[in-house]
Amino acid sequence: MKKDINIKTIWKALRSDKGKKYSFVIFYVFFFIFLFIFMSINNVSDSNQTKEISSLPFSVKELENSNYNFTYQINQNNSIVLYNGFKGNGMINLSDSNNNYTFTYTSGELSTTTNNNNIKYYKLLDIYTIKQIIKNSKLISETKINETGDLIYNYSVSNSYLNTIFLNNVSNNLNNNIIVKTNNLKVVYEIDFDLVNYEKNINSDTHLFEINIRYGEI
């Protein structure tokens, strides 16, 4: 007569000498399955964390995800205008000696009101735009400062590509320089844009045009 299979009979079978051997094998099979799944999840996480480093040689994750103060300085023909800025809560605030300016994100893009258009190249306030520009630039050099471990990256970007960002109609295809400065952990703290070759096509009197963005405590 066939014995009924229930919890009691299964437990009794597992407690037998033969059952203990099978239990040992079953335990290790499930253990290695669990270990494989756990390692796979970690590998996906590590891959996401290194994805940015593989596309850029430095990290801007802190600037994308955190609140921070910064300065935005425009130097045109040695005439300097300095703005103090704060990025947080889905918006960017700028102020100079006379006015305050507010920028917000609409559909993922930085949007502005009419009076804010007076701020040249305000799209550079957006770290996502800067990231896009750098990804479409050519890396010229990478220099390490021995005393501090800081790194300096020198890029070249064409006028034609800048047209797609700033929507101007600059015809010649000269190049402009971008310098990215990071600490020894490759976290960006300052970016310099030398856009004279771009700006002088808009204003022929331009012989110097630089934008400096320095990020404060994050």
C-alpha atoms as a PDB file:
ATOM      1  CA  MET A   1       0.000   0.000   0.000  1.00  0.00           C
ATOM      2  CA  LYS A   2       1.265   3.418  -0.969  1.00  0.00           C
ATOM      3  CA  LYS A   3       2.074   5.660   1.971  1.00  0.00           C
ATOM      4  CA  ASP A   4       0.536   9.108   2.149  1.00  0.00           C
ATOM      5  CA  ILE A   5       3.025  11.982   1.704  1.00  0.00           C
ATOM      6  CA  ASN A   6       2.667  14.687   4.313  1.00  0.00           C
ATOM      7  CA  ILE A   7       4.847  16.972   6.401  1.00  0.00           C
ATOM      8  CA  LYS A   8       5.440  14.270   8.977  1.00  0.00           C
ATOM      9  CA  THR A   9       6.662  11.695   6.453  1.00  0.00           C
ATOM     10  CA  ILE A  10       8.849  14.290   4.681  1.00  0.00           C
ATOM     11  CA  TRP A  11      10.403  15.357   7.973  1.00  0.00           C
ATOM     12  CA  LYS A  12      11.033  11.727   8.929  1.00  0.00           C
ATOM     13  CA  ALA A  13      12.661  11.066   5.552  1.00  0.00           C
ATOM     14  CA  LEU A  14      14.914  14.107   5.875  1.00  0.00           C
ATOM     15  CA  ARG A  15      15.998  13.045   9.357  1.00  0.00           C
ATOM     16  CA  SER A  16      17.168   9.645   8.130  1.00  0.00           C
ATOM     17  CA  ASP A  17      20.838   9.102   7.210  1.00  0.00           C
ATOM     18  CA  LYS A  18      20.020   9.091   3.519  1.00  0.00           C
ATOM     19  CA  GLY A  19      17.729  12.102   3.891  1.00  0.00           C
ATOM     20  CA  LYS A  20      20.433  14.103   5.674  1.00  0.00           C
ATOM     21  CA  LYS A  21      22.732  13.629   2.672  1.00  0.00           C
ATOM     22  CA  TYR A  22      20.022  14.904   0.302  1.00  0.00           C
ATOM     23  CA  SER A  23      19.285  17.810   2.641  1.00  0.00           C
ATOM     24  CA  PHE A  24      22.950  18.809   2.549  1.00  0.00           C
ATOM     25  CA  VAL A  25      22.972  18.808  -1.269  1.00  0.00           C
ATOM     26  CA  ILE A  26      19.670  20.721  -1.519  1.00  0.00           C
ATOM     27  CA  PHE A  27      20.935  23.352   0.942  1.00  0.00           C
ATOM     28  CA  TYR A  28      24.059  24.061  -1.113  1.00  0.00           C
ATOM     29  CA  VAL A  29      22.129  24.166  -4.389  1.00  0.00           C
ATOM     30  CA  PHE A  30      19.816  26.879  -3.016  1.00  0.00           C
ATOM     31  CA  PHE A  31      22.755  28.660  -1.366  1.00  0.00           C
ATOM     32  CA  PHE A  32      24.646  28.999  -4.649  1.00  0.00           C
ATOM     33  CA  ILE A  33      21.479  30.068  -6.489  1.00  0.00           C
ATOM     34  CA  PHE A  34      20.964  32.837  -3.909  1.00  0.00           C
ATOM     35  CA  LEU A  35      24.640  33.838  -4.117  1.00  0.00           C
ATOM     36  CA  PHE A  36      24.480  34.064  -7.918  1.00  0.00           C
ATOM     37  CA  ILE A  37      21.353  36.284  -7.813  1.00  0.00           C
ATOM     38  CA  PHE A  38      22.914  38.534  -5.140  1.00  0.00           C
ATOM     39  CA  MET A  39      26.123  38.998  -7.152  1.00  0.00           C
ATOM     40  CA  SER A  40      24.153  39.730 -10.326  1.00  0.00           C
ATOM     41  CA  ILE A  41      22.215  42.518  -8.585  1.00  0.00           C
ATOM     42  CA  ASN A  42      25.458  44.021  -7.262  1.00  0.00           C
ATOM     43  CA  ASN A  43      27.028  43.891 -10.708  1.00  0.00           C
ATOM     44  CA  VAL A  44      24.088  45.826 -12.168  1.00  0.00           C
ATOM     45  CA  SER A  45      24.429  48.432  -9.395  1.00  0.00           C
ATOM     46  CA  ASP A  46      28.186  48.758  -9.935  1.00  0.00           C
ATOM     47  CA  SER A  47      27.605  49.074 -13.672  1.00  0.00           C
ATOM     48  CA  ASN A  48      25.191  51.967 -13.137  1.00  0.00           C
ATOM     49  CA  GLN A  49      27.670  53.708 -10.823  1.00  0.00           C
ATOM     50  CA  THR A  50      30.526  53.461 -13.319  1.00  0.00           C
ATOM     51  CA  LYS A  51      28.411  54.309 -16.373  1.00  0.00           C
ATOM     52  CA  GLU A  52      29.084  58.029 -15.999  1.00  0.00           C
ATOM     53  CA  ILE A  53      32.826  57.535 -15.509  1.00  0.00           C
ATOM     54  CA  SER A  54      32.947  55.469 -18.698  1.00  0.00           C
ATOM     55  CA  SER A  55      31.322  58.324 -20.669  1.00  0.00           C
ATOM     56  CA  LEU A  56      33.193  61.152 -18.903  1.00  0.00           C
ATOM     57  CA  PRO A  57      36.561  60.936 -17.157  1.00  0.00           C
ATOM     58  CA  PHE A  58      35.127  62.755 -14.116  1.00  0.00           C
ATOM     59  CA  SER A  59      31.930  62.870 -12.064  1.00  0.00           C
ATOM     60  CA  VAL A  60      29.158  65.483 -12.157  1.00  0.00           C
ATOM     61  CA  LYS A  61      26.694  63.317 -10.219  1.00  0.00           C
ATOM     62  CA  GLU A  62      26.892  65.600  -7.173  1.00  0.00           C
ATOM     63  CA  LEU A  63      26.043  68.617  -9.323  1.00  0.00           C
ATOM     64  CA  GLU A  64      23.085  66.782 -10.846  1.00  0.00           C
ATOM     65  CA  ASN A  65      21.584  65.484  -7.611  1.00  0.00           C
ATOM     66  CA  SER A  66      22.512  67.965  -4.867  1.00  0.00           C
ATOM     67  CA  ASN A  67      21.872  71.563  -3.852  1.00  0.00           C
ATOM     68  CA  TYR A  68      24.816  73.958  -3.971  1.00  0.00           C
ATOM     69  CA  ASN A  69      25.976  77.557  -4.238  1.00  0.00           C
ATOM     70  CA  PHE A  70      28.059  78.728  -7.192  1.00  0.00           C
ATOM     71  CA  THR A  71      29.361  81.800  -8.986  1.00  0.00           C
ATOM     72  CA  TYR A  72      28.804  82.606 -12.668  1.00  0.00           C
ATOM     73  CA  GLN A  73      31.289  85.137 -14.018  1.00  0.00           C
ATOM     74  CA  ILE A  74      31.301  86.633 -17.513  1.00  0.00           C
ATOM     75  CA  ASN A  75      34.417  88.413 -18.760  1.00  0.00           C
ATOM     76  CA  GLN A  76      33.876  90.235 -22.040  1.00  0.00           C
ATOM     77  CA  ASN A  77      36.761  92.431 -23.209  1.00  0.00           C
ATOM     78  CA  ASN A  78      37.952  92.660 -19.575  1.00  0.00           C
ATOM     79  CA  SER A  79      34.554  93.923 -18.417  1.00  0.00           C
ATOM     80  CA  ILE A  80      33.510  91.478 -15.690  1.00  0.00           C
ATOM     81  CA  VAL A  81      29.995  90.714 -14.486  1.00  0.00           C
ATOM     82  CA  LEU A  82      29.678  88.399 -11.485  1.00  0.00           C
ATOM     83  CA  TYR A  83      26.522  86.552 -10.455  1.00  0.00           C
ATOM     84  CA  ASN A  84      26.003  84.591  -7.251  1.00  0.00           C
ATOM     85  CA  GLY A  85      23.861  81.510  -7.734  1.00  0.00           C
ATOM     86  CA  PHE A  86      22.047  78.764  -5.888  1.00  0.00           C
ATOM     87  CA  LYS A  87      20.734  75.543  -7.390  1.00  0.00           C
ATOM     88  CA  GLY A  88      18.072  73.686  -5.454  1.00  0.00           C
ATOM     89  CA  ASN A  89      14.457  72.508  -5.374  1.00  0.00           C
ATOM     90  CA  GLY A  90      14.256  72.170  -9.140  1.00  0.00           C
ATOM     91  CA  MET A  91      15.293  75.727  -9.900  1.00  0.00           C
ATOM     92  CA  ILE A  92      18.316  77.996 -10.196  1.00  0.00           C
ATOM     93  CA  ASN A  93      18.488  81.464  -8.644  1.00  0.00           C
ATOM     94  CA  LEU A  94      20.991  84.121  -9.697  1.00  0.00           C
ATOM     95  CA  SER A  95      21.646  87.574  -8.292  1.00  0.00           C
ATOM     96  CA  ASP A  96      23.905  90.497  -9.127  1.00  0.00           C
ATOM     97  CA  SER A  97      24.185  93.938  -7.569  1.00  0.00           C
ATOM     98  CA  ASN A  98      20.861  95.029  -9.090  1.00  0.00           C
ATOM     99  CA  ASN A  99      18.544  92.097  -9.743  1.00  0.00           C
ATOM    100  CA  ASN A 100      17.503  88.557  -8.920  1.00  0.00           C
ATOM    101  CA  TYR A 101      16.860  85.997 -11.645  1.00  0.00           C
ATOM    102  CA  THR A 102      15.022  82.686 -11.406  1.00  0.00           C
ATOM    103  CA  PHE A 103      15.273  79.760 -13.811  1.00  0.00           C
ATOM    104  CA  THR A 104      13.090  76.661 -13.666  1.00  0.00           C
ATOM    105  CA  TYR A 105      13.057  73.292 -15.387  1.00  0.00           C
ATOM    106  CA  THR A 106      10.292  72.632 -17.893  1.00  0.00           C
ATOM    107  CA  SER A 107      10.151  69.163 -19.454  1.00  0.00           C
ATOM    108  CA  GLY A 108      13.703  68.588 -18.280  1.00  0.00           C
ATOM    109  CA  GLU A 109      15.087  71.779 -19.858  1.00  0.00           C
ATOM    110  CA  LEU A 110      16.073  75.016 -18.160  1.00  0.00           C
ATOM    111  CA  SER A 111      13.544  77.714 -19.026  1.00  0.00           C
ATOM    112  CA  THR A 112      13.719  81.454 -18.531  1.00  0.00           C
ATOM    113  CA  THR A 113      11.623  84.590 -18.589  1.00  0.00           C
ATOM    114  CA  THR A 114      12.291  87.580 -20.874  1.00  0.00           C
ATOM    115  CA  ASN A 115      14.458  89.575 -18.471  1.00  0.00           C
ATOM    116  CA  ASN A 116      16.695  86.581 -17.866  1.00  0.00           C
ATOM    117  CA  ASN A 117      17.690  86.591 -21.513  1.00  0.00           C
ATOM    118  CA  ASN A 118      20.063  89.424 -20.665  1.00  0.00           C
ATOM    119  CA  ILE A 119      22.326  86.838 -18.985  1.00  0.00           C
ATOM    120  CA  LYS A 120      24.616  85.573 -21.711  1.00  0.00           C
ATOM    121  CA  TYR A 121      24.702  81.831 -22.302  1.00  0.00           C
ATOM    122  CA  TYR A 122      22.453  81.162 -19.312  1.00  0.00           C
ATOM    123  CA  LYS A 123      22.014  77.567 -20.517  1.00  0.00           C
ATOM    124  CA  LEU A 124      25.466  76.898 -19.046  1.00  0.00           C
ATOM    125  CA  LEU A 125      23.825  77.209 -15.632  1.00  0.00           C
ATOM    126  CA  ASP A 126      22.429  73.742 -16.312  1.00  0.00           C
ATOM    127  CA  ILE A 127      24.924  70.961 -15.555  1.00  0.00           C
ATOM    128  CA  TYR A 128      23.053  68.664 -17.958  1.00  0.00           C
ATOM    129  CA  THR A 129      23.717  71.086 -20.825  1.00  0.00           C
ATOM    130  CA  ILE A 130      27.390  71.300 -19.841  1.00  0.00           C
ATOM    131  CA  LYS A 131      27.581  67.519 -19.740  1.00  0.00           C
ATOM    132  CA  GLN A 132      26.055  67.348 -23.226  1.00  0.00           C
ATOM    133  CA  ILE A 133      28.545  69.903 -24.570  1.00  0.00           C
ATOM    134  CA  ILE A 134      31.540  68.093 -23.109  1.00  0.00           C
ATOM    135  CA  LYS A 135      30.388  64.757 -24.500  1.00  0.00           C
ATOM    136  CA  ASN A 136      30.398  66.391 -27.947  1.00  0.00           C
ATOM    137  CA  SER A 137      33.806  68.001 -27.442  1.00  0.00           C
ATOM    138  CA  LYS A 138      37.270  66.668 -28.074  1.00  0.00           C
ATOM    139  CA  LEU A 139      39.532  65.957 -25.107  1.00  0.00           C
ATOM    140  CA  ILE A 140      42.854  67.669 -25.801  1.00  0.00           C
ATOM    141  CA  SER A 141      44.771  67.022 -22.600  1.00  0.00           C
ATOM    142  CA  GLU A 142      44.529  65.756 -19.026  1.00  0.00           C
ATOM    143  CA  THR A 143      46.906  67.183 -16.425  1.00  0.00           C
ATOM    144  CA  LYS A 144      47.392  66.093 -12.822  1.00  0.00           C
ATOM    145  CA  ILE A 145      48.570  68.589 -10.193  1.00  0.00           C
ATOM    146  CA  ASN A 146      51.112  66.625  -8.170  1.00  0.00           C
ATOM    147  CA  GLU A 147      50.813  68.701  -5.001  1.00  0.00           C
ATOM    148  CA  THR A 148      47.043  68.256  -4.603  1.00  0.00           C
ATOM    149  CA  GLY A 149      46.086  65.423  -6.932  1.00  0.00           C
ATOM    150  CA  ASP A 150      43.619  67.753  -8.669  1.00  0.00           C
ATOM    151  CA  LEU A 151      43.018  67.148 -12.370  1.00  0.00           C
ATOM    152  CA  ILE A 152      42.589  69.595 -15.265  1.00  0.00           C
ATOM    153  CA  TYR A 153      40.835  68.505 -18.463  1.00  0.00           C
ATOM    154  CA  ASN A 154      41.173  70.628 -21.588  1.00  0.00           C
ATOM    155  CA  TYR A 155      38.483  70.265 -24.280  1.00  0.00           C
ATOM    156  CA  SER A 156      37.837  71.741 -27.708  1.00  0.00           C
ATOM    157  CA  VAL A 157      34.298  72.309 -29.019  1.00  0.00           C
ATOM    158  CA  SER A 158      33.271  73.580 -32.446  1.00  0.00           C
ATOM    159  CA  ASN A 159      31.108  76.590 -33.229  1.00  0.00           C
ATOM    160  CA  SER A 160      28.763  74.395 -35.234  1.00  0.00           C
ATOM    161  CA  TYR A 161      27.969  72.261 -32.207  1.00  0.00           C
ATOM    162  CA  LEU A 162      27.511  75.311 -29.957  1.00  0.00           C
ATOM    163  CA  ASN A 163      24.925  76.526 -32.488  1.00  0.00           C
ATOM    164  CA  THR A 164      22.768  73.522 -31.599  1.00  0.00           C
ATOM    165  CA  ILE A 165      22.854  74.566 -27.929  1.00  0.00           C
ATOM    166  CA  PHE A 166      22.612  78.351 -28.096  1.00  0.00           C
ATOM    167  CA  LEU A 167      20.576  78.510 -31.340  1.00  0.00           C
ATOM    168  CA  ASN A 168      22.667  81.213 -32.979  1.00  0.00           C
ATOM    169  CA  ASN A 169      23.711  81.275 -36.611  1.00  0.00           C
ATOM    170  CA  VAL A 170      27.491  81.333 -36.351  1.00  0.00           C
ATOM    171  CA  SER A 171      28.772  80.325 -39.757  1.00  0.00           C
ATOM    172  CA  ASN A 172      32.495  79.671 -39.335  1.00  0.00           C
ATOM    173  CA  ASN A 173      33.537  76.454 -37.655  1.00  0.00           C
ATOM    174  CA  LEU A 174      36.351  77.582 -35.386  1.00  0.00           C
ATOM    175  CA  ASN A 175      36.915  75.864 -32.072  1.00  0.00           C
ATOM    176  CA  ASN A 176      36.504  77.061 -28.503  1.00  0.00           C
ATOM    177  CA  ASN A 177      38.166  75.867 -25.311  1.00  0.00           C
ATOM    178  CA  ILE A 178      36.664  74.350 -22.176  1.00  0.00           C
ATOM    179  CA  ILE A 179      38.712  73.661 -19.045  1.00  0.00           C
ATOM    180  CA  VAL A 180      37.247  71.363 -16.385  1.00  0.00           C
ATOM    181  CA  LYS A 181      38.879  71.258 -12.943  1.00  0.00           C
ATOM    182  CA  THR A 182      38.283  68.443 -10.459  1.00  0.00           C
ATOM    183  CA  ASN A 183      39.605  67.404  -7.064  1.00  0.00           C
ATOM    184  CA  ASN A 184      41.605  64.225  -6.524  1.00  0.00           C
ATOM    185  CA  LEU A 185      38.344  62.233  -6.426  1.00  0.00           C
ATOM    186  CA  LYS A 186      37.490  63.523  -9.919  1.00  0.00           C
ATOM    187  CA  VAL A 187      34.568  65.599  -8.639  1.00  0.00           C
ATOM    188  CA  VAL A 188      34.129  68.811 -10.657  1.00  0.00           C
ATOM    189  CA  TYR A 189      34.527  72.113  -8.792  1.00  0.00           C
ATOM    190  CA  GLU A 190      35.218  74.636 -11.590  1.00  0.00           C
ATOM    191  CA  ILE A 191      34.641  74.999 -15.341  1.00  0.00           C
ATOM    192  CA  ASP A 192      36.054  77.688 -17.655  1.00  0.00           C
ATOM    193  CA  PHE A 193      34.614  78.414 -21.098  1.00  0.00           C
ATOM    194  CA  ASP A 194      36.695  80.410 -23.573  1.00  0.00           C
ATOM    195  CA  LEU A 195      34.059  81.218 -26.210  1.00  0.00           C
ATOM    196  CA  VAL A 196      35.745  84.115 -27.979  1.00  0.00           C
ATOM    197  CA  ASN A 197      35.682  82.353 -31.364  1.00  0.00           C
ATOM    198  CA  TYR A 198      31.954  81.912 -31.009  1.00  0.00           C
ATOM    199  CA  GLU A 199      31.012  85.269 -29.485  1.00  0.00           C
ATOM    200  CA  LYS A 200      32.980  87.458 -31.900  1.00  0.00           C
ATOM    201  CA  ASN A 201      30.766  86.207 -34.729  1.00  0.00           C
ATOM    202  CA  ILE A 202      27.834  87.684 -32.836  1.00  0.00           C
ATOM    203  CA  ASN A 203      29.648  90.801 -31.658  1.00  0.00           C
ATOM    204  CA  SER A 204      32.563  91.707 -33.932  1.00  0.00           C
ATOM    205  CA  ASP A 205      34.084  93.982 -31.279  1.00  0.00           C
ATOM    206  CA  THR A 206      34.759  91.002 -29.012  1.00  0.00           C
ATOM    207  CA  HIS A 207      38.406  90.089 -28.468  1.00  0.00           C
ATOM    208  CA  LEU A 208      37.957  88.306 -25.116  1.00  0.00           C
ATOM    209  CA  PHE A 209      34.997  86.296 -23.912  1.00  0.00           C
ATOM    210  CA  GLU A 210      35.247  83.898 -20.984  1.00  0.00           C
ATOM    211  CA  ILE A 211      32.722  82.361 -18.617  1.00  0.00           C
ATOM    212  CA  ASN A 212      33.854  80.925 -15.304  1.00  0.00           C
ATOM    213  CA  ILE A 213      31.593  78.745 -13.159  1.00  0.00           C
ATOM    214  CA  ARG A 214      32.894  77.852  -9.707  1.00  0.00           C
ATOM    215  CA  TYR A 215      30.853  75.453  -7.619  1.00  0.00           C
ATOM    216  CA  GLY A 216      30.762  75.950  -3.862  1.00  0.00           C
ATOM    217  CA  GLU A 217      29.985  73.535  -1.062  1.00  0.00           C
ATOM    218  CA  ILE A 218      27.585  70.770  -2.128  1.00  0.00           C
END
